[in-house]
Amino acid sequence: MLVRHHHLRLDPSTRGRMNDSKSYAASQPRGEVMIGGTVDDVVERNSPHSLRATR
């Protein structure tokens, strides 16, 4: 599947997790996947199954 991303949303608290300072949340390790929301278009797909939007 080929997807074109138009927008990536990261929670504001993510900024504080991107460094090693003391925080209520654990720091985000460098090179690890960050959780966020996206707005995308499916450009190409190889599956005959229909696509549904998720929220």
PDB file of N, CA and C in Angstrom:
ATOM      1  N   MET A   1       0.839  -1.153   0.000  1.00  0.00           N
ATOM      2  CA  MET A   1       0.000   0.000   0.000  1.00  0.00           C
ATOM      3  C   MET A   1       0.900   1.237   0.000  1.00  0.00           C
ATOM      4  N   LEU A   2       0.587   2.170  -0.845  1.00  0.00           N
ATOM      5  CA  LEU A   2       1.313   3.431  -0.908  1.00  0.00           C
ATOM      6  C   LEU A   2       0.397   4.522  -0.351  1.00  0.00           C
ATOM      7  N   VAL A   3       0.878   5.221   0.678  1.00  0.00           N
ATOM      8  CA  VAL A   3       0.084   6.232   1.363  1.00  0.00           C
ATOM      9  C   VAL A   3       0.818   7.565   1.330  1.00  0.00           C
ATOM     10  N   ARG A   4       0.093   8.635   1.016  1.00  0.00           N
ATOM     11  CA  ARG A   4       0.666   9.990   1.055  1.00  0.00           C
ATOM     12  C   ARG A   4       0.156  10.666   2.327  1.00  0.00           C
ATOM     13  N   HIS A   5       1.086  11.041   3.194  1.00  0.00           N
ATOM     14  CA  HIS A   5       0.732  11.713   4.450  1.00  0.00           C
ATOM     15  C   HIS A   5       0.660  13.210   4.225  1.00  0.00           C
ATOM     16  N   HIS A   6      -0.428  13.818   4.696  1.00  0.00           N
ATOM     17  CA  HIS A   6      -0.616  15.260   4.557  1.00  0.00           C
ATOM     18  C   HIS A   6      -0.393  15.995   5.874  1.00  0.00           C
ATOM     19  N   HIS A   7      -0.686  15.330   6.961  1.00  0.00           N
ATOM     20  CA  HIS A   7      -0.618  16.011   8.259  1.00  0.00           C
ATOM     21  C   HIS A   7      -0.266  14.993   9.335  1.00  0.00           C
ATOM     22  N   LEU A   8       0.624  15.359  10.245  1.00  0.00           N
ATOM     23  CA  LEU A   8       0.976  14.526  11.398  1.00  0.00           C
ATOM     24  C   LEU A   8       0.686  15.312  12.657  1.00  0.00           C
ATOM     25  N   ARG A   9      -0.086  14.734  13.554  1.00  0.00           N
ATOM     26  CA  ARG A   9      -0.418  15.383  14.815  1.00  0.00           C
ATOM     27  C   ARG A   9       0.279  14.652  15.944  1.00  0.00           C
ATOM     28  N   LEU A  10       1.048  15.402  16.725  1.00  0.00           N
ATOM     29  CA  LEU A  10       1.665  14.864  17.930  1.00  0.00           C
ATOM     30  C   LEU A  10       1.074  15.595  19.121  1.00  0.00           C
ATOM     31  N   ASP A  11       0.841  14.888  20.192  1.00  0.00           N
ATOM     32  CA  ASP A  11       0.324  15.488  21.411  1.00  0.00           C
ATOM     33  C   ASP A  11       1.352  16.481  21.951  1.00  0.00           C
ATOM     34  N   PRO A  12       0.911  17.639  22.480  1.00  0.00           N
ATOM     35  CA  PRO A  12       1.869  18.612  23.022  1.00  0.00           C
ATOM     36  C   PRO A  12       2.798  18.034  24.095  1.00  0.00           C
ATOM     37  N   SER A  13       2.344  17.046  24.821  1.00  0.00           N
ATOM     38  CA  SER A  13       3.201  16.460  25.859  1.00  0.00           C
ATOM     39  C   SER A  13       4.390  15.714  25.266  1.00  0.00           C
ATOM     40  N   THR A  14       4.335  15.396  23.986  1.00  0.00           N
ATOM     41  CA  THR A  14       5.423  14.687  23.326  1.00  0.00           C
ATOM     42  C   THR A  14       6.710  15.503  23.364  1.00  0.00           C
ATOM     43  N   ARG A  15       6.582  16.820  23.283  1.00  0.00           N
ATOM     44  CA  ARG A  15       7.771  17.687  23.289  1.00  0.00           C
ATOM     45  C   ARG A  15       8.600  17.464  24.556  1.00  0.00           C
ATOM     46  N   GLY A  16       7.934  17.359  25.703  1.00  0.00           N
ATOM     47  CA  GLY A  16       8.636  17.119  26.949  1.00  0.00           C
ATOM     48  C   GLY A  16       9.280  15.751  27.040  1.00  0.00           C
ATOM     49  N   ARG A  17       8.759  14.801  26.288  1.00  0.00           N
ATOM     50  CA  ARG A  17       9.304  13.446  26.316  1.00  0.00           C
ATOM     51  C   ARG A  17      10.494  13.279  25.374  1.00  0.00           C
ATOM     52  N   MET A  18      10.780  14.302  24.565  1.00  0.00           N
ATOM     53  CA  MET A  18      11.857  14.201  23.581  1.00  0.00           C
ATOM     54  C   MET A  18      13.224  14.562  24.159  1.00  0.00           C
ATOM     55  N   ASN A  19      13.303  14.855  25.451  1.00  0.00           N
ATOM     56  CA  ASN A  19      14.601  15.101  26.079  1.00  0.00           C
ATOM     57  C   ASN A  19      14.679  14.295  27.374  1.00  0.00           C
ATOM     58  N   ASP A  20      15.800  14.323  28.024  1.00  0.00           N
ATOM     59  CA  ASP A  20      16.019  13.487  29.204  1.00  0.00           C
ATOM     60  C   ASP A  20      15.711  14.196  30.518  1.00  0.00           C
ATOM     61  N   SER A  21      15.024  15.340  30.475  1.00  0.00           N
ATOM     62  CA  SER A  21      14.724  16.055  31.715  1.00  0.00           C
ATOM     63  C   SER A  21      13.682  15.303  32.534  1.00  0.00           C
ATOM     64  N   LYS A  22      13.628  15.585  33.821  1.00  0.00           N
ATOM     65  CA  LYS A  22      12.690  14.924  34.724  1.00  0.00           C
ATOM     66  C   LYS A  22      11.258  15.307  34.340  1.00  0.00           C
ATOM     67  N   SER A  23      10.386  14.322  34.258  1.00  0.00           N
ATOM     68  CA  SER A  23       9.012  14.539  33.835  1.00  0.00           C
ATOM     69  C   SER A  23       8.124  13.464  34.435  1.00  0.00           C
ATOM     70  N   TYR A  24       6.813  13.684  34.367  1.00  0.00           N
ATOM     71  CA  TYR A  24       5.862  12.675  34.840  1.00  0.00           C
ATOM     72  C   TYR A  24       5.805  11.471  33.903  1.00  0.00           C
ATOM     73  N   ALA A  25       6.271  11.656  32.670  1.00  0.00           N
ATOM     74  CA  ALA A  25       6.248  10.577  31.679  1.00  0.00           C
ATOM     75  C   ALA A  25       7.685  10.187  31.322  1.00  0.00           C
ATOM     76  N   ALA A  26       7.859   8.958  30.952  1.00  0.00           N
ATOM     77  CA  ALA A  26       9.190   8.472  30.551  1.00  0.00           C
ATOM     78  C   ALA A  26       9.637   9.154  29.263  1.00  0.00           C
ATOM     79  N   SER A  27      10.944   9.349  29.117  1.00  0.00           N
ATOM     80  CA  SER A  27      11.495   9.941  27.905  1.00  0.00           C
ATOM     81  C   SER A  27      11.302   9.001  26.722  1.00  0.00           C
ATOM     82  N   GLN A  28      11.161   9.587  25.557  1.00  0.00           N
ATOM     83  CA  GLN A  28      11.022   8.821  24.324  1.00  0.00           C
ATOM     84  C   GLN A  28      12.409   8.426  23.854  1.00  0.00           C
ATOM     85  N   PRO A  29      12.730   7.126  23.787  1.00  0.00           N
ATOM     86  CA  PRO A  29      14.064   6.727  23.319  1.00  0.00           C
ATOM     87  C   PRO A  29      14.291   7.140  21.862  1.00  0.00           C
ATOM     88  N   ARG A  30      15.478   7.601  21.567  1.00  0.00           N
ATOM     89  CA  ARG A  30      15.825   8.014  20.209  1.00  0.00           C
ATOM     90  C   ARG A  30      15.734   6.814  19.270  1.00  0.00           C
ATOM     91  N   GLY A  31      15.117   7.007  18.120  1.00  0.00           N
ATOM     92  CA  GLY A  31      14.988   5.947  17.127  1.00  0.00           C
ATOM     93  C   GLY A  31      13.756   5.083  17.299  1.00  0.00           C
ATOM     94  N   GLU A  32      12.965   5.309  18.339  1.00  0.00           N
ATOM     95  CA  GLU A  32      11.754   4.530  18.569  1.00  0.00           C
ATOM     96  C   GLU A  32      10.555   5.187  17.871  1.00  0.00           C
ATOM     97  N   VAL A  33       9.504   4.427  17.669  1.00  0.00           N
ATOM     98  CA  VAL A  33       8.286   4.912  17.024  1.00  0.00           C
ATOM     99  C   VAL A  33       7.549   5.874  17.955  1.00  0.00           C
ATOM    100  N   MET A  34       7.103   7.000  17.409  1.00  0.00           N
ATOM    101  CA  MET A  34       6.309   7.957  18.172  1.00  0.00           C
ATOM    102  C   MET A  34       4.850   7.803  17.760  1.00  0.00           C
ATOM    103  N   ILE A  35       3.977   7.857  18.737  1.00  0.00           N
ATOM    104  CA  ILE A  35       2.549   7.705  18.486  1.00  0.00           C
ATOM    105  C   ILE A  35       1.949   9.063  18.135  1.00  0.00           C
ATOM    106  N   GLY A  36       1.128   9.097  17.094  1.00  0.00           N
ATOM    107  CA  GLY A  36       0.465  10.322  16.684  1.00  0.00           C
ATOM    108  C   GLY A  36      -0.664   9.993  15.720  1.00  0.00           C
ATOM    109  N   GLY A  37      -1.356  11.013  15.287  1.00  0.00           N
ATOM    110  CA  GLY A  37      -2.438  10.844  14.325  1.00  0.00           C
ATOM    111  C   GLY A  37      -2.030  11.416  12.982  1.00  0.00           C
ATOM    112  N   THR A  38      -2.593  10.889  11.902  1.00  0.00           N
ATOM    113  CA  THR A  38      -2.256  11.376  10.569  1.00  0.00           C
ATOM    114  C   THR A  38      -3.505  11.580   9.726  1.00  0.00           C
ATOM    115  N   VAL A  39      -3.370  12.412   8.711  1.00  0.00           N
ATOM    116  CA  VAL A  39      -4.369  12.573   7.663  1.00  0.00           C
ATOM    117  C   VAL A  39      -3.675  12.134   6.382  1.00  0.00           C
ATOM    118  N   ASP A  40      -4.243  11.136   5.722  1.00  0.00           N
ATOM    119  CA  ASP A  40      -3.569  10.487   4.599  1.00  0.00           C
ATOM    120  C   ASP A  40      -4.493  10.301   3.408  1.00  0.00           C
ATOM    121  N   ASP A  41      -3.881  10.061   2.262  1.00  0.00           N
ATOM    122  CA  ASP A  41      -4.575   9.572   1.071  1.00  0.00           C
ATOM    123  C   ASP A  41      -3.926   8.263   0.674  1.00  0.00           C
ATOM    124  N   VAL A  42      -4.736   7.263   0.356  1.00  0.00           N
ATOM    125  CA  VAL A  42      -4.204   6.010  -0.171  1.00  0.00           C
ATOM    126  C   VAL A  42      -4.003   6.223  -1.664  1.00  0.00           C
ATOM    127  N   VAL A  43      -2.762   6.156  -2.105  1.00  0.00           N
ATOM    128  CA  VAL A  43      -2.418   6.401  -3.499  1.00  0.00           C
ATOM    129  C   VAL A  43      -2.552   5.122  -4.308  1.00  0.00           C
ATOM    130  N   GLU A  44      -2.113   4.022  -3.712  1.00  0.00           N
ATOM    131  CA  GLU A  44      -2.128   2.746  -4.424  1.00  0.00           C
ATOM    132  C   GLU A  44      -2.276   1.622  -3.412  1.00  0.00           C
ATOM    133  N   ARG A  45      -3.050   0.609  -3.760  1.00  0.00           N
ATOM    134  CA  ARG A  45      -3.177  -0.548  -2.875  1.00  0.00           C
ATOM    135  C   ARG A  45      -3.294  -1.815  -3.710  1.00  0.00           C
ATOM    136  N   ASN A  46      -2.890  -2.929  -3.122  1.00  0.00           N
ATOM    137  CA  ASN A  46      -2.897  -4.208  -3.824  1.00  0.00           C
ATOM    138  C   ASN A  46      -3.961  -5.149  -3.293  1.00  0.00           C
ATOM    139  N   SER A  47      -4.777  -4.692  -2.361  1.00  0.00           N
ATOM    140  CA  SER A  47      -5.775  -5.552  -1.742  1.00  0.00           C
ATOM    141  C   SER A  47      -7.155  -5.286  -2.347  1.00  0.00           C
ATOM    142  N   PRO A  48      -7.941  -6.333  -2.598  1.00  0.00           N
ATOM    143  CA  PRO A  48      -9.292  -6.132  -3.122  1.00  0.00           C
ATOM    144  C   PRO A  48     -10.296  -5.705  -2.031  1.00  0.00           C
ATOM    145  N   HIS A  49      -9.884  -5.732  -0.768  1.00  0.00           N
ATOM    146  CA  HIS A  49     -10.783  -5.388   0.327  1.00  0.00           C
ATOM    147  C   HIS A  49     -10.999  -3.883   0.393  1.00  0.00           C
ATOM    148  N   SER A  50     -12.168  -3.481   0.841  1.00  0.00           N
ATOM    149  CA  SER A  50     -12.459  -2.052   0.936  1.00  0.00           C
ATOM    150  C   SER A  50     -11.732  -1.432   2.122  1.00  0.00           C
ATOM    151  N   LEU A  51     -11.508  -0.145   2.054  1.00  0.00           N
ATOM    152  CA  LEU A  51     -10.851   0.588   3.134  1.00  0.00           C
ATOM    153  C   LEU A  51     -11.903   1.358   3.912  1.00  0.00           C
ATOM    154  N   ARG A  52     -11.698   1.451   5.226  1.00  0.00           N
ATOM    155  CA  ARG A  52     -12.591   2.265   6.044  1.00  0.00           C
ATOM    156  C   ARG A  52     -11.763   3.231   6.861  1.00  0.00           C
ATOM    157  N   ALA A  53     -12.349   4.370   7.128  1.00  0.00           N
ATOM    158  CA  ALA A  53     -11.681   5.361   7.963  1.00  0.00           C
ATOM    159  C   ALA A  53     -11.773   4.922   9.421  1.00  0.00           C
ATOM    160  N   THR A  54     -10.713   5.163  10.168  1.00  0.00           N
ATOM    161  CA  THR A  54     -10.721   4.865  11.602  1.00  0.00           C
ATOM    162  C   THR A  54     -10.487   6.151  12.368  1.00  0.00           C
ATOM    163  N   ARG A  55     -11.006   6.187  13.563  1.00  0.00           N
ATOM    164  CA  ARG A  55     -10.833   7.386  14.395  1.00  0.00           C
ATOM    165  C   ARG A  55     -10.303   7.005  15.734  1.00  0.00           C
TER     166      ARG A  55
END
